[in-house]
């Protein structure tokens, strides 16, 4: 089974991932964006051109998808192709990503989203924007990302599920959904 989290910055994805892994022996993959930043790519909304950044993120998401989907072992990803699509779309509207990169993510999302058994969107309205030293602290940037998720992802794909409330309630709902998907 391949499961992933998706959502705006500071919406509880990593917290929920850690909570889940404390209870389950699944393979896990950390989010790609922070790793990309640590090797020199610009992330968030503070750079001027993100074509190379988004290409690197795309490559990692595609590699993760093919490396971990359809395997005997259960795997969980901190973020997935959906995140790359949403952030690329945002950067396209800002003139920071060219049309090719935007279309590439759109094509890949349409073709490969079905390979994720469950994608959990963590409701950002339940979690305050907290500075971790790497994420953008711009509320306008976060709000634009949330708006894109709501317009382009939520209620558009049958394998995308919204998690809200406390960490425990999100976790419990997540387990219910995973068990339901396993029995289909």
N, C-alpha and C. Protein backbone atom coordinates (compact mmCIF):
# COMPACT_ATOMS: atom_id res chain seq x y z
N UNK A 1 0.84 -1.18 0.00
CA UNK A 1 0.00 0.00 0.00
C UNK A 1 0.89 1.24 0.00
N UNK A 2 0.50 2.25 -0.78
CA UNK A 2 1.24 3.52 -0.83
C UNK A 2 0.31 4.64 -0.36
N UNK A 3 0.71 5.31 0.71
CA UNK A 3 -0.06 6.37 1.33
C UNK A 3 0.81 7.61 1.37
N UNK A 4 0.19 8.77 1.22
CA UNK A 4 0.94 10.02 1.31
C UNK A 4 0.11 11.09 2.01
N UNK A 5 0.83 12.06 2.52
CA UNK A 5 0.21 13.28 3.02
C UNK A 5 0.38 14.36 1.97
N UNK A 6 -0.50 15.33 1.99
CA UNK A 6 -0.39 16.50 1.13
C UNK A 6 -1.03 17.67 1.86
N UNK A 7 -0.63 18.87 1.48
CA UNK A 7 -1.24 20.05 2.09
C UNK A 7 -0.28 21.21 2.18
N UNK A 8 -0.84 22.33 2.58
CA UNK A 8 -0.06 23.56 2.74
C UNK A 8 0.96 23.42 3.85
N UNK A 9 1.92 24.33 3.86
CA UNK A 9 2.91 24.31 4.93
C UNK A 9 2.24 24.52 6.27
N UNK A 10 2.79 23.87 7.28
CA UNK A 10 2.31 23.99 8.65
C UNK A 10 0.84 23.58 8.78
N UNK A 11 0.55 22.38 8.25
CA UNK A 11 -0.82 21.85 8.39
C UNK A 11 -0.84 20.52 9.13
N UNK A 12 0.29 20.11 9.68
CA UNK A 12 0.33 18.91 10.52
C UNK A 12 0.75 17.63 9.83
N UNK A 13 1.26 17.70 8.62
CA UNK A 13 1.63 16.49 7.88
C UNK A 13 2.72 15.69 8.58
N UNK A 14 3.82 16.35 8.88
CA UNK A 14 4.96 15.66 9.48
C UNK A 14 4.63 15.18 10.89
N UNK A 15 3.90 15.97 11.64
CA UNK A 15 3.48 15.55 12.98
C UNK A 15 2.65 14.28 12.90
N UNK A 16 1.70 14.23 11.98
CA UNK A 16 0.86 13.05 11.82
C UNK A 16 1.66 11.86 11.31
N UNK A 17 2.60 12.11 10.42
CA UNK A 17 3.47 11.04 9.93
C UNK A 17 4.22 10.39 11.09
N UNK A 18 4.83 11.21 11.93
CA UNK A 18 5.57 10.68 13.07
C UNK A 18 4.66 9.91 14.02
N UNK A 19 3.48 10.43 14.27
CA UNK A 19 2.51 9.77 15.13
C UNK A 19 2.14 8.41 14.55
N UNK A 20 1.90 8.38 13.26
CA UNK A 20 1.56 7.13 12.57
C UNK A 20 2.70 6.13 12.67
N UNK A 21 3.92 6.58 12.43
CA UNK A 21 5.07 5.67 12.44
C UNK A 21 5.40 5.15 13.83
N UNK A 22 5.00 5.86 14.87
CA UNK A 22 5.16 5.35 16.24
C UNK A 22 4.31 4.12 16.47
N UNK A 23 3.23 3.98 15.69
CA UNK A 23 2.29 2.88 15.87
C UNK A 23 2.38 1.79 14.80
N UNK A 24 3.04 2.08 13.68
CA UNK A 24 3.04 1.15 12.54
C UNK A 24 4.44 0.98 11.98
N UNK A 25 4.74 -0.22 11.57
CA UNK A 25 6.04 -0.55 10.98
C UNK A 25 5.95 -0.44 9.45
N UNK A 26 5.83 0.77 8.98
CA UNK A 26 5.78 1.04 7.55
C UNK A 26 7.09 1.67 7.11
N UNK A 27 7.41 1.50 5.83
CA UNK A 27 8.50 2.26 5.27
C UNK A 27 8.06 3.71 5.14
N UNK A 28 8.98 4.64 5.32
CA UNK A 28 8.59 6.05 5.20
C UNK A 28 9.61 6.82 4.37
N UNK A 29 9.11 7.85 3.72
CA UNK A 29 9.95 8.70 2.88
C UNK A 29 9.71 10.14 3.31
N UNK A 30 10.78 10.83 3.71
CA UNK A 30 10.67 12.23 4.10
C UNK A 30 10.32 13.08 2.90
N UNK A 31 9.79 14.28 3.18
CA UNK A 31 9.42 15.18 2.09
C UNK A 31 10.66 15.60 1.30
N UNK A 32 10.46 15.83 0.02
CA UNK A 32 11.59 16.11 -0.85
C UNK A 32 12.02 17.58 -0.84
N UNK A 33 11.11 18.49 -0.59
CA UNK A 33 11.40 19.92 -0.75
C UNK A 33 12.53 20.40 0.16
N UNK A 34 12.50 19.98 1.41
CA UNK A 34 13.54 20.44 2.34
C UNK A 34 14.91 19.88 1.96
N UNK A 35 14.92 18.65 1.48
CA UNK A 35 16.18 18.06 1.03
C UNK A 35 16.71 18.82 -0.19
N UNK A 36 15.81 19.17 -1.08
CA UNK A 36 16.18 19.95 -2.27
C UNK A 36 16.77 21.30 -1.85
N UNK A 37 16.17 21.93 -0.85
CA UNK A 37 16.65 23.23 -0.36
C UNK A 37 18.07 23.09 0.20
N UNK A 38 18.30 22.02 0.92
CA UNK A 38 19.61 21.84 1.57
C UNK A 38 20.75 21.65 0.57
N UNK A 39 20.43 21.28 -0.66
CA UNK A 39 21.48 21.15 -1.67
C UNK A 39 21.56 22.39 -2.56
N UNK A 40 20.80 23.45 -2.21
CA UNK A 40 20.99 24.73 -2.89
C UNK A 40 19.85 25.27 -3.72
N UNK A 41 18.75 24.54 -3.82
CA UNK A 41 17.62 25.05 -4.59
C UNK A 41 16.79 26.02 -3.75
N UNK A 42 16.18 27.02 -4.41
CA UNK A 42 15.28 27.95 -3.72
C UNK A 42 13.92 27.29 -3.54
N UNK A 43 13.34 27.44 -2.35
CA UNK A 43 11.99 26.92 -2.11
C UNK A 43 11.13 28.04 -1.54
N UNK A 44 9.89 27.71 -1.24
CA UNK A 44 8.91 28.66 -0.71
C UNK A 44 8.67 29.77 -1.72
N UNK A 45 8.54 30.98 -1.24
CA UNK A 45 8.19 32.08 -2.12
C UNK A 45 9.26 33.17 -2.15
N UNK A 46 10.51 32.84 -1.78
CA UNK A 46 11.52 33.88 -1.68
C UNK A 46 12.49 33.95 -2.86
N UNK A 47 12.34 33.13 -3.87
CA UNK A 47 13.23 33.19 -5.02
C UNK A 47 12.54 33.81 -6.23
N UNK A 48 13.28 33.89 -7.32
CA UNK A 48 12.72 34.52 -8.51
C UNK A 48 12.40 33.53 -9.63
N UNK A 49 13.09 32.39 -9.67
CA UNK A 49 12.88 31.42 -10.74
C UNK A 49 12.96 30.02 -10.15
N UNK A 50 11.89 29.27 -10.31
CA UNK A 50 11.82 27.95 -9.70
C UNK A 50 11.80 26.81 -10.70
N UNK A 51 12.13 27.06 -11.96
CA UNK A 51 12.10 25.98 -12.94
C UNK A 51 12.99 24.81 -12.51
N UNK A 52 14.23 25.09 -12.15
CA UNK A 52 15.14 24.02 -11.74
C UNK A 52 14.68 23.36 -10.44
N UNK A 53 14.20 24.17 -9.49
CA UNK A 53 13.70 23.62 -8.23
C UNK A 53 12.55 22.66 -8.49
N UNK A 54 11.59 23.09 -9.28
CA UNK A 54 10.42 22.24 -9.53
C UNK A 54 10.79 21.00 -10.34
N UNK A 55 11.76 21.10 -11.23
CA UNK A 55 12.23 19.91 -11.95
C UNK A 55 12.85 18.90 -10.98
N UNK A 56 13.65 19.39 -10.04
CA UNK A 56 14.26 18.50 -9.05
C UNK A 56 13.19 17.86 -8.17
N UNK A 57 12.20 18.63 -7.77
CA UNK A 57 11.10 18.10 -6.96
C UNK A 57 10.31 17.08 -7.76
N UNK A 58 10.04 17.37 -9.02
CA UNK A 58 9.32 16.45 -9.90
C UNK A 58 10.05 15.11 -9.97
N UNK A 59 11.36 15.18 -10.21
CA UNK A 59 12.15 13.95 -10.34
C UNK A 59 12.05 13.11 -9.07
N UNK A 60 12.13 13.74 -7.91
CA UNK A 60 12.03 13.00 -6.65
C UNK A 60 10.64 12.40 -6.45
N UNK A 61 9.60 13.16 -6.75
CA UNK A 61 8.25 12.62 -6.59
C UNK A 61 8.01 11.43 -7.51
N UNK A 62 8.45 11.52 -8.75
CA UNK A 62 8.28 10.41 -9.69
C UNK A 62 9.11 9.20 -9.23
N UNK A 63 10.33 9.44 -8.79
CA UNK A 63 11.15 8.34 -8.28
C UNK A 63 10.49 7.68 -7.08
N UNK A 64 9.98 8.47 -6.14
CA UNK A 64 9.29 7.90 -4.98
C UNK A 64 8.09 7.08 -5.40
N UNK A 65 7.32 7.60 -6.33
CA UNK A 65 6.13 6.91 -6.79
C UNK A 65 6.47 5.53 -7.35
N UNK A 66 7.46 5.48 -8.21
CA UNK A 66 7.82 4.20 -8.82
C UNK A 66 8.59 3.29 -7.88
N UNK A 67 9.35 3.85 -6.98
CA UNK A 67 10.13 3.03 -6.05
C UNK A 67 9.24 2.40 -4.98
N UNK A 68 8.14 3.05 -4.61
CA UNK A 68 7.37 2.59 -3.45
C UNK A 68 5.96 2.12 -3.76
N UNK A 69 5.43 2.36 -4.94
CA UNK A 69 4.07 1.87 -5.23
C UNK A 69 4.12 0.44 -5.72
N UNK A 70 3.05 -0.29 -5.45
CA UNK A 70 2.95 -1.67 -5.89
C UNK A 70 3.89 -2.63 -5.19
N UNK A 71 4.40 -2.27 -4.06
CA UNK A 71 5.34 -3.12 -3.33
C UNK A 71 4.59 -3.91 -2.26
N UNK A 72 5.21 -4.98 -1.82
CA UNK A 72 4.61 -5.80 -0.77
C UNK A 72 4.57 -5.06 0.56
N UNK A 73 5.59 -4.23 0.79
CA UNK A 73 5.66 -3.49 2.05
C UNK A 73 4.81 -2.23 1.95
N UNK A 74 4.18 -1.87 3.06
CA UNK A 74 3.43 -0.61 3.12
C UNK A 74 4.40 0.55 3.26
N UNK A 75 4.14 1.61 2.51
CA UNK A 75 5.00 2.80 2.53
C UNK A 75 4.17 4.05 2.69
N UNK A 76 4.73 5.03 3.39
CA UNK A 76 4.05 6.30 3.60
C UNK A 76 5.01 7.44 3.27
N UNK A 77 4.51 8.42 2.52
CA UNK A 77 5.30 9.55 2.07
C UNK A 77 4.85 10.82 2.81
N UNK A 78 5.81 11.66 3.14
CA UNK A 78 5.49 12.93 3.80
C UNK A 78 4.76 13.86 2.84
N UNK A 79 5.11 13.87 1.59
CA UNK A 79 4.45 14.65 0.54
C UNK A 79 4.49 13.83 -0.74
N UNK A 80 3.73 14.27 -1.75
CA UNK A 80 3.68 13.51 -2.99
C UNK A 80 3.55 14.43 -4.20
N UNK A 81 3.27 13.85 -5.33
CA UNK A 81 3.14 14.56 -6.59
C UNK A 81 2.09 15.67 -6.53
N UNK A 82 1.06 15.49 -5.72
CA UNK A 82 0.02 16.52 -5.57
C UNK A 82 0.65 17.83 -5.09
N UNK A 83 1.54 17.75 -4.12
CA UNK A 83 2.20 18.96 -3.60
C UNK A 83 3.00 19.65 -4.69
N UNK A 84 3.75 18.87 -5.45
CA UNK A 84 4.52 19.46 -6.54
C UNK A 84 3.63 20.16 -7.55
N UNK A 85 2.50 19.55 -7.85
CA UNK A 85 1.54 20.15 -8.78
C UNK A 85 1.00 21.47 -8.25
N UNK A 86 0.56 21.48 -6.99
CA UNK A 86 -0.03 22.70 -6.42
C UNK A 86 0.99 23.82 -6.33
N UNK A 87 2.17 23.54 -5.80
CA UNK A 87 3.17 24.59 -5.66
C UNK A 87 3.67 25.07 -7.03
N UNK A 88 3.78 24.17 -8.00
CA UNK A 88 4.16 24.57 -9.35
C UNK A 88 3.09 25.48 -9.95
N UNK A 89 1.84 25.13 -9.75
CA UNK A 89 0.74 25.97 -10.26
C UNK A 89 0.82 27.37 -9.63
N UNK A 90 1.08 27.42 -8.33
CA UNK A 90 1.22 28.72 -7.67
C UNK A 90 2.37 29.51 -8.30
N UNK A 91 3.54 28.88 -8.43
CA UNK A 91 4.69 29.58 -8.98
C UNK A 91 4.47 29.98 -10.43
N UNK A 92 3.67 29.22 -11.17
CA UNK A 92 3.33 29.60 -12.55
C UNK A 92 2.53 30.90 -12.54
N UNK A 93 1.58 31.02 -11.63
CA UNK A 93 0.77 32.25 -11.57
C UNK A 93 1.62 33.46 -11.17
N UNK A 94 2.74 33.20 -10.52
CA UNK A 94 3.64 34.27 -10.08
C UNK A 94 4.74 34.55 -11.11
N UNK A 95 4.74 33.82 -12.22
CA UNK A 95 5.76 34.01 -13.25
C UNK A 95 7.11 33.43 -12.89
N UNK A 96 7.14 32.52 -11.91
CA UNK A 96 8.41 31.94 -11.45
C UNK A 96 8.68 30.56 -12.03
N UNK A 97 7.69 29.99 -12.73
CA UNK A 97 7.83 28.69 -13.38
C UNK A 97 7.25 28.82 -14.78
N UNK A 98 7.90 28.22 -15.74
CA UNK A 98 7.40 28.32 -17.12
C UNK A 98 6.25 27.36 -17.38
N UNK A 99 5.61 27.53 -18.52
CA UNK A 99 4.44 26.74 -18.88
C UNK A 99 4.77 25.25 -18.99
N UNK A 100 5.94 24.92 -19.52
CA UNK A 100 6.31 23.52 -19.67
C UNK A 100 6.32 22.79 -18.33
N UNK A 101 6.94 23.38 -17.31
CA UNK A 101 7.02 22.75 -16.00
C UNK A 101 5.62 22.56 -15.42
N UNK A 102 4.78 23.58 -15.54
CA UNK A 102 3.41 23.51 -15.06
C UNK A 102 2.64 22.39 -15.76
N UNK A 103 2.75 22.31 -17.07
CA UNK A 103 2.05 21.26 -17.83
C UNK A 103 2.59 19.87 -17.51
N UNK A 104 3.89 19.79 -17.28
CA UNK A 104 4.51 18.51 -16.93
C UNK A 104 3.90 17.97 -15.63
N UNK A 105 3.79 18.83 -14.62
CA UNK A 105 3.18 18.40 -13.36
C UNK A 105 1.71 18.03 -13.56
N UNK A 106 0.99 18.82 -14.34
CA UNK A 106 -0.42 18.53 -14.59
C UNK A 106 -0.60 17.18 -15.27
N UNK A 107 0.23 16.91 -16.27
CA UNK A 107 0.18 15.62 -16.95
C UNK A 107 0.48 14.48 -15.99
N UNK A 108 1.54 14.62 -15.22
CA UNK A 108 1.95 13.55 -14.30
C UNK A 108 0.87 13.30 -13.25
N UNK A 109 0.29 14.37 -12.73
CA UNK A 109 -0.77 14.20 -11.74
C UNK A 109 -1.93 13.42 -12.33
N UNK A 110 -2.39 13.82 -13.51
CA UNK A 110 -3.50 13.13 -14.15
C UNK A 110 -3.21 11.67 -14.42
N UNK A 111 -1.99 11.38 -14.78
CA UNK A 111 -1.62 10.00 -15.12
C UNK A 111 -1.35 9.13 -13.90
N UNK A 112 -0.72 9.68 -12.86
CA UNK A 112 -0.20 8.84 -11.78
C UNK A 112 -0.91 8.95 -10.44
N UNK A 113 -1.84 9.86 -10.28
CA UNK A 113 -2.47 10.02 -8.96
C UNK A 113 -3.13 8.73 -8.50
N UNK A 114 -3.60 7.91 -9.41
CA UNK A 114 -4.27 6.66 -9.05
C UNK A 114 -3.31 5.64 -8.44
N UNK A 115 -2.01 5.84 -8.58
CA UNK A 115 -1.06 4.90 -8.00
C UNK A 115 -0.91 5.05 -6.49
N UNK A 116 -1.39 6.15 -5.95
CA UNK A 116 -1.41 6.33 -4.50
C UNK A 116 -2.72 5.72 -4.00
N UNK A 117 -2.62 4.82 -3.03
CA UNK A 117 -3.84 4.22 -2.48
C UNK A 117 -4.65 5.24 -1.70
N UNK A 118 -3.97 6.05 -0.92
CA UNK A 118 -4.62 7.10 -0.14
C UNK A 118 -3.70 8.31 -0.10
N UNK A 119 -4.30 9.48 -0.32
CA UNK A 119 -3.58 10.74 -0.14
C UNK A 119 -4.37 11.52 0.90
N UNK A 120 -3.71 11.83 2.00
CA UNK A 120 -4.37 12.52 3.11
C UNK A 120 -4.03 14.00 3.10
N UNK A 121 -5.04 14.80 2.84
CA UNK A 121 -4.91 16.26 2.89
C UNK A 121 -5.17 16.69 4.32
N UNK A 122 -4.17 17.32 4.93
CA UNK A 122 -4.32 17.77 6.31
C UNK A 122 -4.88 19.19 6.32
N UNK A 123 -6.04 19.32 6.94
CA UNK A 123 -6.76 20.58 6.98
C UNK A 123 -5.88 21.65 7.65
N UNK A 124 -5.56 22.72 6.93
CA UNK A 124 -4.66 23.73 7.49
C UNK A 124 -5.34 24.65 8.51
N UNK A 125 -6.66 24.68 8.51
CA UNK A 125 -7.37 25.60 9.41
C UNK A 125 -7.31 25.16 10.86
N UNK A 126 -6.90 23.91 11.09
CA UNK A 126 -6.79 23.38 12.45
C UNK A 126 -5.41 23.60 13.06
N UNK A 127 -4.46 24.10 12.27
CA UNK A 127 -3.06 24.18 12.69
C UNK A 127 -2.53 25.59 12.44
N UNK A 128 -1.94 26.22 13.44
CA UNK A 128 -1.37 27.56 13.22
C UNK A 128 -0.09 27.49 12.41
N UNK A 129 0.23 28.58 11.74
CA UNK A 129 1.48 28.69 10.99
C UNK A 129 2.61 28.87 12.00
N UNK A 130 3.50 27.87 12.06
CA UNK A 130 4.58 27.87 13.05
C UNK A 130 5.92 27.89 12.33
N UNK A 131 6.82 28.73 12.79
CA UNK A 131 8.14 28.86 12.19
C UNK A 131 9.03 27.68 12.60
N UNK A 132 9.48 26.93 11.60
CA UNK A 132 10.42 25.83 11.86
C UNK A 132 11.80 26.13 11.30
N UNK A 133 11.99 27.36 10.85
CA UNK A 133 13.28 27.76 10.30
C UNK A 133 13.45 27.49 8.82
N UNK A 134 12.53 26.74 8.21
CA UNK A 134 12.64 26.43 6.79
C UNK A 134 11.40 26.84 6.00
N UNK A 135 10.22 26.66 6.56
CA UNK A 135 9.00 26.94 5.81
C UNK A 135 8.76 28.45 5.71
N UNK A 136 8.01 28.82 4.70
CA UNK A 136 7.62 30.22 4.53
C UNK A 136 6.67 30.61 5.65
N UNK A 137 6.88 31.79 6.19
CA UNK A 137 5.99 32.31 7.23
C UNK A 137 5.01 33.33 6.66
N UNK A 138 4.92 33.42 5.37
CA UNK A 138 4.01 34.34 4.71
C UNK A 138 2.59 33.77 4.75
N UNK A 139 1.69 34.46 5.43
CA UNK A 139 0.30 33.99 5.47
C UNK A 139 -0.37 34.13 4.11
N UNK A 140 0.01 35.14 3.33
CA UNK A 140 -0.60 35.28 2.00
C UNK A 140 -0.18 34.12 1.10
N UNK A 141 1.09 33.71 1.16
CA UNK A 141 1.56 32.55 0.40
C UNK A 141 0.80 31.30 0.82
N UNK A 142 0.71 31.07 2.12
CA UNK A 142 -0.02 29.91 2.64
C UNK A 142 -1.47 29.93 2.19
N UNK A 143 -2.11 31.08 2.28
CA UNK A 143 -3.52 31.19 1.88
C UNK A 143 -3.73 30.91 0.40
N UNK A 144 -2.79 31.35 -0.43
CA UNK A 144 -2.89 31.07 -1.87
C UNK A 144 -2.73 29.57 -2.14
N UNK A 145 -1.82 28.93 -1.42
CA UNK A 145 -1.63 27.48 -1.57
C UNK A 145 -2.90 26.74 -1.14
N UNK A 146 -3.46 27.13 -0.01
CA UNK A 146 -4.70 26.51 0.47
C UNK A 146 -5.81 26.67 -0.57
N UNK A 147 -5.93 27.85 -1.12
CA UNK A 147 -6.96 28.12 -2.14
C UNK A 147 -6.79 27.19 -3.34
N UNK A 148 -5.55 26.98 -3.78
CA UNK A 148 -5.31 26.08 -4.91
C UNK A 148 -5.69 24.64 -4.57
N UNK A 149 -5.35 24.18 -3.36
CA UNK A 149 -5.79 22.84 -2.96
C UNK A 149 -7.30 22.73 -3.02
N UNK A 150 -7.98 23.73 -2.48
CA UNK A 150 -9.44 23.69 -2.44
C UNK A 150 -10.05 23.73 -3.84
N UNK A 151 -9.45 24.47 -4.76
CA UNK A 151 -9.97 24.58 -6.12
C UNK A 151 -9.62 23.38 -6.99
N UNK A 152 -8.42 22.83 -6.83
CA UNK A 152 -7.92 21.86 -7.80
C UNK A 152 -7.85 20.41 -7.30
N UNK A 153 -7.90 20.19 -5.99
CA UNK A 153 -7.67 18.83 -5.48
C UNK A 153 -8.84 18.30 -4.64
N UNK A 154 -9.26 19.06 -3.64
CA UNK A 154 -10.28 18.58 -2.71
C UNK A 154 -11.57 18.29 -3.47
N UNK A 155 -12.12 17.10 -3.22
CA UNK A 155 -13.35 16.61 -3.86
C UNK A 155 -13.21 16.34 -5.36
N UNK A 156 -11.98 16.28 -5.86
CA UNK A 156 -11.77 16.02 -7.29
C UNK A 156 -11.24 14.61 -7.57
N UNK A 157 -10.67 13.97 -6.57
CA UNK A 157 -10.06 12.65 -6.74
C UNK A 157 -10.57 11.71 -5.65
N UNK A 158 -10.96 10.50 -6.01
CA UNK A 158 -11.53 9.58 -5.00
C UNK A 158 -10.54 9.08 -3.97
N UNK A 159 -9.25 9.19 -4.22
CA UNK A 159 -8.25 8.70 -3.27
C UNK A 159 -7.65 9.81 -2.41
N UNK A 160 -8.24 11.01 -2.45
CA UNK A 160 -7.79 12.13 -1.62
C UNK A 160 -8.81 12.31 -0.49
N UNK A 161 -8.32 12.24 0.73
CA UNK A 161 -9.17 12.32 1.93
C UNK A 161 -8.73 13.48 2.80
N UNK A 162 -9.68 14.22 3.32
CA UNK A 162 -9.39 15.36 4.19
C UNK A 162 -9.35 14.88 5.64
N UNK A 163 -8.29 15.23 6.35
CA UNK A 163 -8.17 14.94 7.78
C UNK A 163 -8.23 16.25 8.53
N UNK A 164 -9.04 16.28 9.60
CA UNK A 164 -9.15 17.50 10.39
C UNK A 164 -9.28 17.18 11.86
N UNK A 165 -9.15 18.23 12.66
CA UNK A 165 -9.24 18.07 14.11
C UNK A 165 -7.87 17.88 14.74
N UNK A 166 -7.88 17.24 15.91
CA UNK A 166 -6.64 16.99 16.65
C UNK A 166 -5.81 15.92 15.95
N UNK A 167 -4.57 15.79 16.39
CA UNK A 167 -3.70 14.75 15.83
C UNK A 167 -4.36 13.38 16.03
N UNK A 168 -4.93 13.15 17.20
CA UNK A 168 -5.57 11.85 17.47
C UNK A 168 -6.77 11.61 16.58
N UNK A 169 -7.62 12.62 16.38
CA UNK A 169 -8.79 12.42 15.52
C UNK A 169 -8.37 12.24 14.06
N UNK A 170 -7.35 12.95 13.64
CA UNK A 170 -6.83 12.76 12.28
C UNK A 170 -6.28 11.34 12.12
N UNK A 171 -5.51 10.93 13.09
CA UNK A 171 -4.93 9.58 13.06
C UNK A 171 -6.03 8.52 13.01
N UNK A 172 -7.02 8.63 13.87
CA UNK A 172 -8.10 7.64 13.91
C UNK A 172 -8.85 7.57 12.58
N UNK A 173 -9.13 8.72 11.99
CA UNK A 173 -9.81 8.75 10.70
C UNK A 173 -8.92 8.14 9.62
N UNK A 174 -7.66 8.44 9.69
CA UNK A 174 -6.70 7.89 8.74
C UNK A 174 -6.69 6.36 8.79
N UNK A 175 -6.66 5.79 9.98
CA UNK A 175 -6.67 4.34 10.15
C UNK A 175 -7.96 3.74 9.59
N UNK A 176 -9.09 4.37 9.85
CA UNK A 176 -10.37 3.90 9.30
C UNK A 176 -10.31 3.84 7.77
N UNK A 177 -9.80 4.89 7.18
CA UNK A 177 -9.74 4.96 5.71
C UNK A 177 -8.78 3.91 5.16
N UNK A 178 -7.61 3.78 5.75
CA UNK A 178 -6.65 2.78 5.28
C UNK A 178 -7.25 1.38 5.36
N UNK A 179 -7.89 1.06 6.45
CA UNK A 179 -8.52 -0.26 6.60
C UNK A 179 -9.62 -0.46 5.56
N UNK A 180 -10.40 0.57 5.29
CA UNK A 180 -11.45 0.48 4.28
C UNK A 180 -10.86 0.26 2.89
N UNK A 181 -9.81 1.01 2.57
CA UNK A 181 -9.18 0.88 1.25
C UNK A 181 -8.54 -0.50 1.09
N UNK A 182 -7.96 -1.03 2.14
CA UNK A 182 -7.34 -2.37 2.09
C UNK A 182 -8.36 -3.46 1.76
N UNK A 183 -9.60 -3.29 2.22
CA UNK A 183 -10.61 -4.33 2.01
C UNK A 183 -11.34 -4.20 0.68
N UNK A 184 -11.07 -3.17 -0.09
CA UNK A 184 -11.74 -3.00 -1.41
C UNK A 184 -11.19 -3.95 -2.43
